[in-house]
C-alpha cells in the first residue's frame, strides 16, 4: 500500500487505498463501519477517551439529523482551553472557520451512543477482564452506578466482539460482496440502536464518577443527582404513567389518553414536564427535524422578524430559524414550565434574543397584532379546543403576517400509539390528531388564508437511501404525499 485515506471524496466520504501495483480499493464510509467488530484492537475496548480529551481543540462529525440535512459535512469542534479557544477565535476572524455555538446537551446527544460505549461500557469491560485474571488499565476513576439493563446488554456487546474475532467469521465476511455485508450491517445497526436506546441513556444524565486523588477517594462534585421533574410531578395522574416500566404500562397510558373525551392545557403541560428524553429521542428521529427543514424551505417570513413560537418545547424551531436569519426577537410560549426552562437555556447559549411565556388558558398574554410571524409546530392536535387556539393566534398576529403550521396526518395516529407502547418513541400525551377538513376550516375561520398545503415525510425512518427515496417521491407525487404522508404543512397568511 502506498496511500491510505479514511474519508476521501464527498461527505461522508470513502475509505480509499492505493496499492504499489496501481490497484485502488474504495469502501463507503458506513460500509467500513461494519469492519469494526472483526478488527477492533483490545486497547480500543478499554479506552475511555472518545473526544481527545487532553487536546486544546478536538473536532469530528456532528452526527445529528438537523445538521445532516443542512447540506452535509458539518463538524463539531470543542475548544477546551484558553489557548485552544484563542486559536478558534483567530481562525473565525480570518474567515477560515464559520462557528455556530451549540449547547453541551446537543453536543453530547450527537455522540450519545459512543459516549455510553466509552464512559460506561469500557469500565464494565475492564472489570470483566480483571475478574478473568487478564491485564487491564486502571484510570483511577469509574462511574458510580450503572443500571442493570445497561450491564445486561454489555454481555451481548462482548459476545459480538468475541465472535467477530474468530478466523472463520473473518473468512466468511471477506468472501461476501461488500455491498451485501454493508447493507446488512446498516440495517442491523439501525435496529440495534432502537432496541438499546433507552438502556444506553438510562442514568446518563445523572452519571457520577468516583476518582482517586493523592491516594484519597473522591466523588465527582460536578454531577450530583437532583430530583427529576418526572419525580416531582408524580402526583399527576397522566404523568405518573410515564414513569412506569414495561409495555403493558405504556399501553395502559396510551389507552387512557385515547379515551379521554377532553383535557386541559395543564394536562398537556404535566405530560411534557414529565417527558425527560424529548430531545434525546428526537435527535435520533429523522422525521422530527423535517418539520423545521421543510417549514423553512416553504416560508416567506421576512428576515429579522418578531416571531411567536407557540408551544416551543425545547426551542429547536426558534433556534433553527434564528440560525437562518429569520428571527430578530422570539417569544417562546408553552404550557410546560420545564420545556420553557430548557428552551430558555438553549436559546441563551445560542445568543437568540428571546423571552419565554408560560400560559395555561386563553387569551394569551399578548396584545392584538403584536407579532409578525408564528411558528406552530405539531401543536394544534394537543390543545383541547383547536378552533379557540387558532382564533387566539389570529388575534395576536399582524395583518399580512405568516404562520407556519404543521400537524401529523390523522392516518398515522395508530403508528404513534404503537411506537409509544413499544418504547420506540416518547408518548404524545393528551392529543387527538385532526381531520384535514376540520383543520383547514379552523385556520380559515381564524382569519387566515391557506397559501400552501402540502404533505411531507412519506417514509419517516430508515437508512438514508430509503428516506431519500421518500423525499424523491414527495417531489414527484405531491398529491399522494398530501394525503398519505406523515405530516401536513400549512403556510397561512393573516387577512
Protein backbone atom coordinates (compact mmCIF):
# COMPACT_ATOMS: atom_id res chain seq x y z
CA UNK A 1 0.00 0.00 0.00
CA UNK A 2 1.31 3.44 -0.91
CA UNK A 3 -1.57 5.65 0.20
CA UNK A 4 -4.48 5.32 2.64
CA UNK A 5 -7.32 7.84 3.02
CA UNK A 6 -10.04 7.37 5.60
CA UNK A 7 -12.56 9.97 4.41
CA UNK A 8 -11.86 10.90 0.83
CA UNK A 9 -14.44 12.40 -1.55
CA UNK A 10 -17.83 13.95 -0.87
CA UNK A 11 -19.12 13.71 2.70
CA UNK A 12 -19.40 11.29 4.45
CA UNK A 13 -16.59 10.04 2.21
CA UNK A 14 -14.97 6.72 1.44
CA UNK A 15 -12.05 4.73 2.75
CA UNK A 16 -9.58 4.56 -0.14
CA UNK A 17 -6.35 2.59 -0.51
CA UNK A 18 -3.84 2.81 -3.37
CA UNK A 19 -1.53 -0.18 -3.93
CA UNK A 20 2.02 -0.37 -5.26
CA UNK A 21 0.83 -2.06 -8.44
CA UNK A 22 -1.70 0.71 -9.15
CA UNK A 23 -4.83 -1.01 -7.89
CA UNK A 24 -7.28 1.14 -5.95
CA UNK A 25 -9.76 -0.12 -3.33
CA UNK A 26 -12.65 2.02 -2.09
CA UNK A 27 -15.20 1.36 0.62
CA UNK A 28 -18.18 3.51 1.60
CA UNK A 29 -17.66 5.12 5.00
CA UNK A 30 -20.73 3.50 6.53
CA UNK A 31 -19.84 0.13 5.00
CA UNK A 32 -16.37 0.42 6.52
CA UNK A 33 -18.00 0.75 9.93
CA UNK A 34 -19.10 -2.88 9.85
CA UNK A 35 -15.45 -3.97 9.88
CA UNK A 36 -15.05 -2.69 13.45
CA UNK A 37 -16.29 -5.83 15.28
CA UNK A 38 -13.94 -8.01 13.18
CA UNK A 39 -10.73 -5.99 13.54
CA UNK A 40 -11.01 -3.86 16.69
CA UNK A 41 -7.95 -3.77 18.93
CA UNK A 42 -8.34 -4.73 22.59
CA UNK A 43 -6.99 -1.39 23.77
CA UNK A 44 -9.87 0.36 21.97
CA UNK A 45 -12.33 -1.63 24.08
CA UNK A 46 -10.70 -0.42 27.30
CA UNK A 47 -10.08 3.20 26.26
CA UNK A 48 -12.34 5.78 27.92
CA UNK A 49 -11.39 8.77 25.72
CA UNK A 50 -13.85 9.50 22.91
CA UNK A 51 -13.02 13.09 22.04
CA UNK A 52 -9.25 13.58 22.51
CA UNK A 53 -9.85 14.91 26.00
CA UNK A 54 -6.27 16.14 26.58
CA UNK A 55 -6.25 18.25 23.41
CA UNK A 56 -6.72 22.02 23.26
CA UNK A 57 -9.07 21.54 20.29
CA UNK A 58 -10.92 18.44 19.11
CA UNK A 59 -13.15 18.03 16.08
CA UNK A 60 -15.35 15.46 14.40
CA UNK A 61 -18.63 14.89 12.61
CA UNK A 62 -21.78 16.50 14.01
CA UNK A 63 -23.95 13.38 13.91
CA UNK A 64 -27.40 14.93 14.20
CA UNK A 65 -30.18 14.85 11.60
CA UNK A 66 -30.69 18.61 11.79
CA UNK A 67 -27.10 19.09 10.54
CA UNK A 68 -27.01 16.09 8.20
CA UNK A 69 -29.98 17.57 6.34
CA UNK A 70 -28.38 21.03 6.05
CA UNK A 71 -26.02 20.44 3.19
CA UNK A 72 -23.93 17.67 4.83
CA UNK A 73 -20.45 17.77 6.25
CA UNK A 74 -20.96 19.76 9.46
CA UNK A 75 -18.38 19.26 12.21
CA UNK A 76 -18.48 19.54 15.97
CA UNK A 77 -15.48 21.46 17.36
CA UNK A 78 -14.53 21.55 21.04
CA UNK A 79 -12.26 24.27 22.40
CA UNK A 80 -11.22 23.10 25.87
CA UNK A 81 -8.51 25.55 26.90
CA UNK A 82 -7.89 29.27 26.65
CA UNK A 83 -5.16 28.56 24.09
CA UNK A 84 -7.47 26.38 22.01
CA UNK A 85 -10.31 28.89 22.14
CA UNK A 86 -7.94 31.69 21.12
CA UNK A 87 -6.92 29.68 18.05
CA UNK A 88 -10.56 29.09 17.11
CA UNK A 89 -11.39 32.79 17.54
CA UNK A 90 -8.40 33.72 15.39
CA UNK A 91 -9.42 31.31 12.62
CA UNK A 92 -13.01 32.57 12.69
CA UNK A 93 -11.84 36.20 12.50
CA UNK A 94 -9.65 35.28 9.50
CA UNK A 95 -12.64 33.67 7.73
CA UNK A 96 -11.18 30.16 7.89
CA UNK A 97 -13.98 28.81 10.10
CA UNK A 98 -17.68 29.52 10.39
CA UNK A 99 -18.55 28.69 14.00
CA UNK A 100 -22.04 28.49 15.49
CA UNK A 101 -22.29 27.70 19.23
CA UNK A 102 -24.34 24.70 20.36
CA UNK A 103 -25.29 23.61 23.85
CA UNK A 104 -23.35 20.98 25.76
CA UNK A 105 -26.52 18.87 25.80
CA UNK A 106 -26.77 18.99 22.00
CA UNK A 107 -23.11 18.11 21.61
CA UNK A 108 -23.50 15.09 23.90
CA UNK A 109 -26.65 13.99 22.11
CA UNK A 110 -24.82 13.88 18.78
CA UNK A 111 -22.47 11.23 20.19
CA UNK A 112 -24.55 9.67 22.94
CA UNK A 113 -24.09 6.09 21.75
CA UNK A 114 -20.30 6.27 21.72
CA UNK A 115 -20.18 8.27 24.96
CA UNK A 116 -22.05 5.41 26.60
CA UNK A 117 -19.73 2.89 24.93
CA UNK A 118 -16.66 4.67 26.35
CA UNK A 119 -17.85 6.18 29.63
CA UNK A 120 -19.73 3.14 30.93
CA UNK A 121 -19.04 0.21 28.61
CA UNK A 122 -15.24 0.50 28.83
CA UNK A 123 -15.34 0.31 32.63
CA UNK A 124 -17.51 -2.81 32.54
CA UNK A 125 -15.15 -4.44 30.03
CA UNK A 126 -12.14 -3.61 32.21
CA UNK A 127 -13.84 -5.04 35.29
CA UNK A 128 -14.63 -8.24 33.40
CA UNK A 129 -11.01 -8.60 32.27
CA UNK A 130 -9.77 -8.22 35.84
CA UNK A 131 -12.32 -10.80 37.00
CA UNK A 132 -10.92 -13.20 34.39
CA UNK A 133 -7.37 -12.52 35.60
CA UNK A 134 -6.39 -10.58 32.46
CA UNK A 135 -4.40 -7.38 32.32
CA UNK A 136 -6.44 -4.19 32.26
CA UNK A 137 -5.61 -0.49 32.54
CA UNK A 138 -6.51 1.46 35.66
CA UNK A 139 -7.51 5.09 35.29
CA UNK A 140 -8.27 5.76 38.97
CA UNK A 141 -11.81 6.85 38.18
CA UNK A 142 -15.01 4.95 37.43
CA UNK A 143 -18.77 5.51 37.17
CA UNK A 144 -20.56 5.08 40.49
CA UNK A 145 -23.76 3.44 39.26
CA UNK A 146 -24.67 1.66 36.01
CA UNK A 147 -28.28 0.42 35.61
CA UNK A 148 -28.76 -3.34 35.43
CA UNK A 149 -30.26 -3.15 31.92
CA UNK A 150 -27.11 -1.48 30.64
CA UNK A 151 -24.99 -4.13 32.35
CA UNK A 152 -27.11 -6.88 30.82
CA UNK A 153 -26.68 -5.89 27.19
CA UNK A 154 -22.96 -5.30 27.66
CA UNK A 155 -22.72 -9.10 27.63
CA UNK A 156 -24.28 -9.01 24.14
CA UNK A 157 -21.74 -6.40 23.00
CA UNK A 158 -18.88 -8.52 24.32
CA UNK A 159 -20.26 -11.59 22.54
CA UNK A 160 -20.34 -9.70 19.25
CA UNK A 161 -16.66 -8.78 19.59
CA UNK A 162 -15.71 -12.33 20.59
CA UNK A 163 -17.48 -13.86 17.59
CA UNK A 164 -16.14 -11.13 15.31
CA UNK A 165 -12.58 -12.12 16.23
CA UNK A 166 -12.99 -15.74 15.03
CA UNK A 167 -10.92 -16.54 11.94
CA UNK A 168 -13.81 -18.46 10.35
CA UNK A 169 -16.08 -15.42 10.67
CA UNK A 170 -13.35 -13.29 9.06
CA UNK A 171 -13.20 -15.61 6.08
CA UNK A 172 -16.99 -15.63 5.63
CA UNK A 173 -17.19 -11.83 5.75
CA UNK A 174 -14.27 -11.41 3.34
CA UNK A 175 -15.88 -13.83 0.88
CA UNK A 176 -19.15 -11.88 0.65
CA UNK A 177 -19.61 -8.82 -1.57
CA UNK A 178 -19.04 -5.63 0.39
CA UNK A 179 -22.35 -4.13 -0.69
CA UNK A 180 -24.19 -7.10 0.85
CA UNK A 181 -22.44 -7.05 4.20
CA UNK A 182 -22.54 -3.25 4.29
CA UNK A 183 -26.28 -3.10 3.80
CA UNK A 184 -26.91 -5.88 6.29
CA UNK A 185 -24.72 -4.06 8.79
CA UNK A 186 -26.57 -0.76 8.30
CA UNK A 187 -29.92 -2.49 8.79
CA UNK A 188 -28.72 -4.33 11.91
CA UNK A 189 -27.09 -1.19 13.31
CA UNK A 190 -30.31 0.77 12.93
CA UNK A 191 -32.32 -1.95 14.70
CA UNK A 192 -29.71 -2.26 17.45
CA UNK A 193 -29.77 1.46 18.16
CA UNK A 194 -33.53 1.36 18.53
CA UNK A 195 -33.55 -1.71 20.75
CA UNK A 196 -30.89 -0.36 23.10
CA UNK A 197 -31.91 3.31 23.01
CA UNK A 198 -33.40 3.54 26.50
CA UNK A 199 -30.83 1.31 28.17
CA UNK A 200 -27.97 3.40 26.78
CA UNK A 201 -29.46 6.65 28.05
CA UNK A 202 -30.82 5.42 31.36
CA UNK A 203 -28.77 7.05 34.10
CA UNK A 204 -26.51 9.01 31.72
CA UNK A 205 -27.95 12.42 32.66
CA UNK A 206 -27.05 11.94 36.33
CA UNK A 207 -23.89 9.90 35.78
CA UNK A 208 -21.35 10.40 38.58
CA UNK A 209 -17.76 9.23 38.86
CA UNK A 210 -15.53 8.35 41.77
CA UNK A 211 -11.83 9.11 41.43
CA UNK A 212 -8.62 8.91 43.45
CA UNK A 213 -6.51 11.99 44.11
CA UNK A 214 -3.29 11.64 46.10
CA UNK A 215 -4.48 8.25 47.26
CA UNK A 216 -7.75 9.65 48.64
CA UNK A 217 -11.09 8.57 47.09
CA UNK A 218 -13.41 11.37 45.97
CA UNK A 219 -16.76 11.71 44.24
CA UNK A 220 -17.17 13.89 41.16
CA UNK A 221 -18.69 17.14 42.54
CA UNK A 222 -19.90 18.34 39.13
CA UNK A 223 -22.56 15.72 38.54
CA UNK A 224 -24.63 15.50 41.70
CA UNK A 225 -28.03 13.89 41.28
CA UNK A 226 -31.08 16.10 41.66
CA UNK A 227 -34.73 15.00 41.58
CA UNK A 228 -36.09 14.80 38.07
CA UNK A 229 -39.28 16.54 37.08
CA UNK A 230 -40.94 13.19 36.48
CA UNK A 231 -40.31 12.51 40.19
CA UNK A 232 -41.52 15.96 41.15
CA UNK A 233 -44.75 15.60 39.15
CA UNK A 234 -45.53 12.01 40.14
CA UNK A 235 -48.82 13.13 41.69
CA UNK A 236 -50.16 13.99 38.22
CA UNK A 237 -52.42 11.10 37.13
CA UNK A 238 -51.29 11.16 33.50
CA UNK A 239 -47.64 11.98 34.08
CA UNK A 240 -47.35 9.16 36.62
CA UNK A 241 -47.79 6.52 33.95
CA UNK A 242 -44.74 7.77 32.07
CA UNK A 243 -42.53 6.64 34.92
CA UNK A 244 -43.84 3.06 34.85
CA UNK A 245 -41.77 0.46 33.09
CA UNK A 246 -42.89 -2.09 30.59
CA UNK A 247 -45.07 -2.34 27.54
CA UNK A 248 -48.26 -3.06 29.50
CA UNK A 249 -47.94 0.15 31.50
CA UNK A 250 -47.31 2.17 28.33
CA UNK A 251 -50.29 0.53 26.62
CA UNK A 252 -52.49 1.39 29.58
CA UNK A 253 -51.32 5.00 29.48
CA UNK A 254 -51.90 5.34 25.73
CA UNK A 255 -55.39 3.86 26.13
CA UNK A 256 -56.08 6.43 28.82
CA UNK A 257 -55.04 9.24 26.50
CA UNK A 258 -57.02 7.73 23.63
CA UNK A 259 -60.28 7.54 25.60
CA UNK A 260 -60.12 11.00 27.17
CA UNK A 261 -63.17 12.95 25.96
CA UNK A 262 -61.39 16.20 26.82
CA UNK A 263 -58.42 17.54 28.72
CA UNK A 264 -56.89 20.83 29.80
CA UNK A 265 -53.78 22.74 28.83
CA UNK A 266 -52.48 21.95 32.32
CA UNK A 267 -52.75 18.23 31.50
CA UNK A 268 -50.67 18.81 28.37
CA UNK A 269 -48.12 20.76 30.40
CA UNK A 270 -47.88 17.96 33.00
CA UNK A 271 -47.18 15.44 30.25
CA UNK A 272 -44.32 17.43 28.72
CA UNK A 273 -42.96 18.29 32.18
CA UNK A 274 -42.58 14.54 32.78
CA UNK A 275 -41.04 13.74 29.36
CA UNK A 276 -37.33 13.75 30.15
CA UNK A 277 -35.97 12.24 26.93
CA UNK A 278 -37.66 14.58 24.43
CA UNK A 279 -34.50 15.86 22.73
CA UNK A 280 -32.59 12.60 23.18
CA UNK A 281 -35.23 10.64 21.27
CA UNK A 282 -35.88 13.29 18.64
CA UNK A 283 -32.17 13.68 17.92
CA UNK A 284 -32.36 10.13 16.52
CA UNK A 285 -35.65 10.71 14.67
CA UNK A 286 -35.37 11.72 11.02
CA UNK A 287 -39.00 12.90 10.77
CA UNK A 288 -38.66 15.29 13.73
CA UNK A 289 -36.19 17.65 12.06
CA UNK A 290 -38.09 17.61 8.77
CA UNK A 291 -40.73 19.92 10.30
CA UNK A 292 -38.13 22.69 10.63
CA UNK A 293 -36.29 21.96 7.39
CA UNK A 294 -39.47 21.80 5.28
CA UNK A 295 -41.06 24.75 7.07
CA UNK A 296 -38.04 26.94 6.32
CA UNK A 297 -37.98 25.80 2.68
CA UNK A 298 -41.65 26.81 2.20
CA UNK A 299 -41.79 30.02 4.23
CA UNK A 300 -41.74 33.59 3.01
CA UNK A 301 -41.24 35.01 6.53
CA UNK A 302 -39.05 38.09 6.28
CA UNK A 303 -35.58 38.06 7.75
CA UNK A 304 -35.24 39.52 11.25
CA UNK A 305 -38.90 39.12 12.20
CA UNK A 306 -40.57 39.25 15.60
CA UNK A 307 -41.71 35.64 15.90
CA UNK A 308 -44.03 33.80 18.27
CA UNK A 309 -43.06 30.14 18.67
CA UNK A 310 -46.16 28.70 20.30
CA UNK A 311 -45.64 25.51 22.33
CA UNK A 312 -41.96 25.84 21.52
CA UNK A 313 -40.93 22.74 23.54
CA UNK A 314 -37.13 22.83 23.87
CA UNK A 315 -36.67 25.73 21.43
CA UNK A 316 -35.31 23.79 18.46
CA UNK A 317 -37.63 25.51 15.99
CA UNK A 318 -36.71 29.00 17.14
CA UNK A 319 -33.02 28.09 17.17
CA UNK A 320 -33.15 26.69 13.64
CA UNK A 321 -34.96 29.74 12.21
CA UNK A 322 -32.60 32.08 14.08
CA UNK A 323 -29.58 30.35 12.54
CA UNK A 324 -31.12 31.04 9.13
CA UNK A 325 -31.63 34.75 9.83
CA UNK A 326 -35.42 34.75 10.31
CA UNK A 327 -35.54 35.83 13.96
CA UNK A 328 -34.95 39.33 15.31
CA UNK A 329 -36.66 38.53 18.59
CA UNK A 330 -38.57 35.43 19.65
CA UNK A 331 -41.46 34.98 22.05
CA UNK A 332 -41.35 31.33 23.11
CA UNK A 333 -44.65 30.28 24.66
CA UNK A 334 -45.51 26.92 26.19
CA UNK A 335 -47.79 25.15 28.66
CA UNK A 336 -44.81 23.28 30.16
CA UNK A 337 -42.58 25.16 32.58
CA UNK A 338 -39.86 22.55 32.22
CA UNK A 339 -39.78 22.84 28.43
CA UNK A 340 -39.64 26.63 28.71
CA UNK A 341 -36.71 26.37 31.10
CA UNK A 342 -34.81 24.10 28.67
CA UNK A 343 -35.68 26.35 25.73
CA UNK A 344 -34.57 29.46 27.59
CA UNK A 345 -31.16 27.98 28.43
CA UNK A 346 -30.68 26.62 24.91
CA UNK A 347 -31.58 29.90 23.19
CA UNK A 348 -29.45 31.92 25.60
CA UNK A 349 -26.44 29.77 24.74
CA UNK A 350 -27.19 30.33 21.04
CA UNK A 351 -27.42 34.07 21.60
CA UNK A 352 -31.05 34.33 20.43
CA UNK A 353 -32.86 37.49 21.65
CA UNK A 354 -35.94 35.98 23.25
CA UNK A 355 -38.43 35.89 26.08
CA UNK A 356 -40.33 32.92 27.49
CA UNK A 357 -44.05 32.96 28.13
CA UNK A 358 -45.97 30.40 30.20
CA UNK A 359 -49.72 30.04 29.66
CA UNK A 360 -52.43 27.61 30.69
CA UNK A 361 -55.54 29.41 29.45
CA UNK A 362 -56.72 31.95 26.86
CA UNK A 363 -56.33 34.73 26.00
CA UNK A 364 -52.58 34.63 25.56
CA UNK A 365 -50.88 37.47 27.49
CA UNK A 366 -50.06 39.25 24.22
CA UNK A 367 -51.56 42.37 22.65
CA UNK A 368 -53.58 42.26 19.42
CA UNK A 369 -51.43 42.21 16.24
CA UNK A 370 -48.24 42.18 18.32
CA UNK A 371 -46.17 39.57 16.43
CA UNK A 372 -45.05 39.48 12.80
CA UNK A 373 -44.97 35.70 12.29
CA UNK A 374 -45.90 32.49 14.09
CA UNK A 375 -44.27 29.06 14.28
CA UNK A 376 -46.78 26.40 15.26
CA UNK A 377 -45.05 23.02 15.01
CA UNK A 378 -47.08 19.94 15.97
CA UNK A 379 -49.29 21.79 18.46
CA UNK A 380 -52.87 22.07 17.17
CA UNK A 381 -53.51 18.36 17.87
CA UNK A 382 -52.57 18.75 21.57
CA UNK A 383 -54.85 21.63 22.56
CA UNK A 384 -58.35 20.65 23.76
CA UNK A 385 -60.11 23.26 21.57
CA UNK A 386 -58.18 23.77 18.29
CA UNK A 387 -60.67 26.32 16.97
CA UNK A 388 -60.27 28.59 20.03
CA UNK A 389 -56.49 28.13 19.90
CA UNK A 390 -56.26 29.17 16.24
CA UNK A 391 -58.55 32.16 16.80
CA UNK A 392 -56.13 33.30 19.50
CA UNK A 393 -53.20 33.01 17.09
CA UNK A 394 -55.17 35.01 14.55
CA UNK A 395 -55.69 37.72 17.15
CA UNK A 396 -52.02 38.22 18.08
CA UNK A 397 -50.50 38.19 14.57
CA UNK A 398 -50.31 41.31 12.41
CA UNK A 399 -52.39 41.54 9.21
CA UNK A 400 -50.33 40.06 6.40
CA UNK A 401 -48.26 38.04 8.87
CA UNK A 402 -47.39 34.43 8.07
CA UNK A 403 -47.96 31.35 10.20
CA UNK A 404 -46.22 28.02 9.59
CA UNK A 405 -48.47 25.29 10.94
CA UNK A 406 -47.51 21.62 10.94
CA UNK A 407 -49.58 18.73 12.25
CA UNK A 408 -49.50 14.95 11.89
CA UNK A 409 -51.75 13.19 9.40
CA UNK A 410 -54.66 11.51 11.22
CA UNK A 411 -53.94 8.29 9.27
CA UNK A 412 -50.70 7.94 11.24
CA UNK A 413 -52.21 8.19 14.73
CA UNK A 414 -52.19 4.39 15.29
CA UNK A 415 -48.50 4.36 14.38
CA UNK A 416 -47.77 6.97 17.05
CA UNK A 417 -49.68 4.93 19.64
CA UNK A 418 -47.80 1.78 18.71
CA UNK A 419 -44.41 3.50 18.76
CA UNK A 420 -45.08 4.79 22.29
CA UNK A 421 -46.31 1.39 23.51
CA UNK A 422 -43.26 -0.42 22.11
CA UNK A 423 -40.92 2.18 23.62
CA UNK A 424 -39.65 3.34 20.22
CA UNK A 425 -40.69 6.95 20.82
CA UNK A 426 -41.96 9.15 23.60
CA UNK A 427 -45.72 9.32 24.16
CA UNK A 428 -47.63 12.18 22.55
CA UNK A 429 -49.64 12.60 25.75
CA UNK A 430 -53.12 14.19 25.63
CA UNK A 431 -53.91 14.72 21.96
CA UNK A 432 -56.26 13.99 19.10
CA UNK A 433 -54.99 14.18 15.53
CA UNK A 434 -57.18 16.46 13.43
CA UNK A 435 -59.03 15.63 10.26
CA UNK A 436 -57.74 17.67 7.36
CA UNK A 437 -61.07 19.35 6.60
CA UNK A 438 -61.57 20.42 10.23
CA UNK A 439 -58.06 21.84 10.41
CA UNK A 440 -58.45 23.90 7.23
CA UNK A 441 -61.84 25.25 8.31
CA UNK A 442 -60.48 26.24 11.72
CA UNK A 443 -57.50 28.04 10.16
CA UNK A 444 -59.74 29.96 7.76
CA UNK A 445 -62.27 30.81 10.49
CA UNK A 446 -59.41 32.33 12.49
CA UNK A 447 -58.81 34.88 9.70
CA UNK A 448 -56.07 33.14 7.72
CA UNK A 449 -55.85 32.21 4.06
CA UNK A 450 -54.00 28.98 3.26
CA UNK A 451 -51.32 29.68 0.66
CA UNK A 452 -49.60 26.28 0.69
CA UNK A 453 -50.97 22.93 1.85
CA UNK A 454 -48.61 20.02 1.33
CA UNK A 455 -47.69 16.65 2.79
CA UNK A 456 -44.14 15.71 3.76
CA UNK A 457 -42.33 12.63 5.10
CA UNK A 458 -43.72 9.70 3.14
CA UNK A 459 -41.05 7.46 4.67
CA UNK A 460 -40.46 8.59 8.28
CA UNK A 461 -37.43 6.48 9.11
CA UNK A 462 -34.88 4.02 7.81
CA UNK A 463 -31.49 4.07 6.11
CA UNK A 464 -30.54 7.17 4.13
CA UNK A 465 -31.28 5.60 0.74
CA UNK A 466 -34.84 4.86 1.89
CA UNK A 467 -35.58 8.31 3.34
CA UNK A 468 -34.02 9.83 0.19
CA UNK A 469 -36.44 7.76 -1.87
CA UNK A 470 -39.27 9.15 0.26
CA UNK A 471 -38.17 12.74 -0.43
CA UNK A 472 -37.93 11.97 -4.15
CA UNK A 473 -41.48 10.57 -4.16
CA UNK A 474 -42.78 13.61 -2.27
CA UNK A 475 -41.46 15.87 -5.04
CA UNK A 476 -42.78 13.68 -7.87
CA UNK A 477 -46.15 12.74 -6.33
CA UNK A 478 -47.29 15.78 -4.30
CA UNK A 479 -50.96 14.73 -4.28
CA UNK A 480 -50.06 11.33 -2.85
CA UNK A 481 -47.83 12.98 -0.26
CA UNK A 482 -50.54 15.45 0.71
CA UNK A 483 -52.96 12.68 1.68
CA UNK A 484 -50.68 9.87 2.82
CA UNK A 485 -47.50 11.48 4.23
CA UNK A 486 -46.83 11.61 7.95
CA UNK A 487 -47.05 15.39 8.25
CA UNK A 488 -49.11 18.22 6.78
CA UNK A 489 -47.64 21.69 6.47
CA UNK A 490 -49.88 24.75 6.01
CA UNK A 491 -48.45 28.15 5.11
CA UNK A 492 -51.09 30.60 6.31
CA UNK A 493 -51.42 34.36 5.78
CA UNK A 494 -53.43 36.61 8.11
CA UNK A 495 -56.03 38.56 6.15
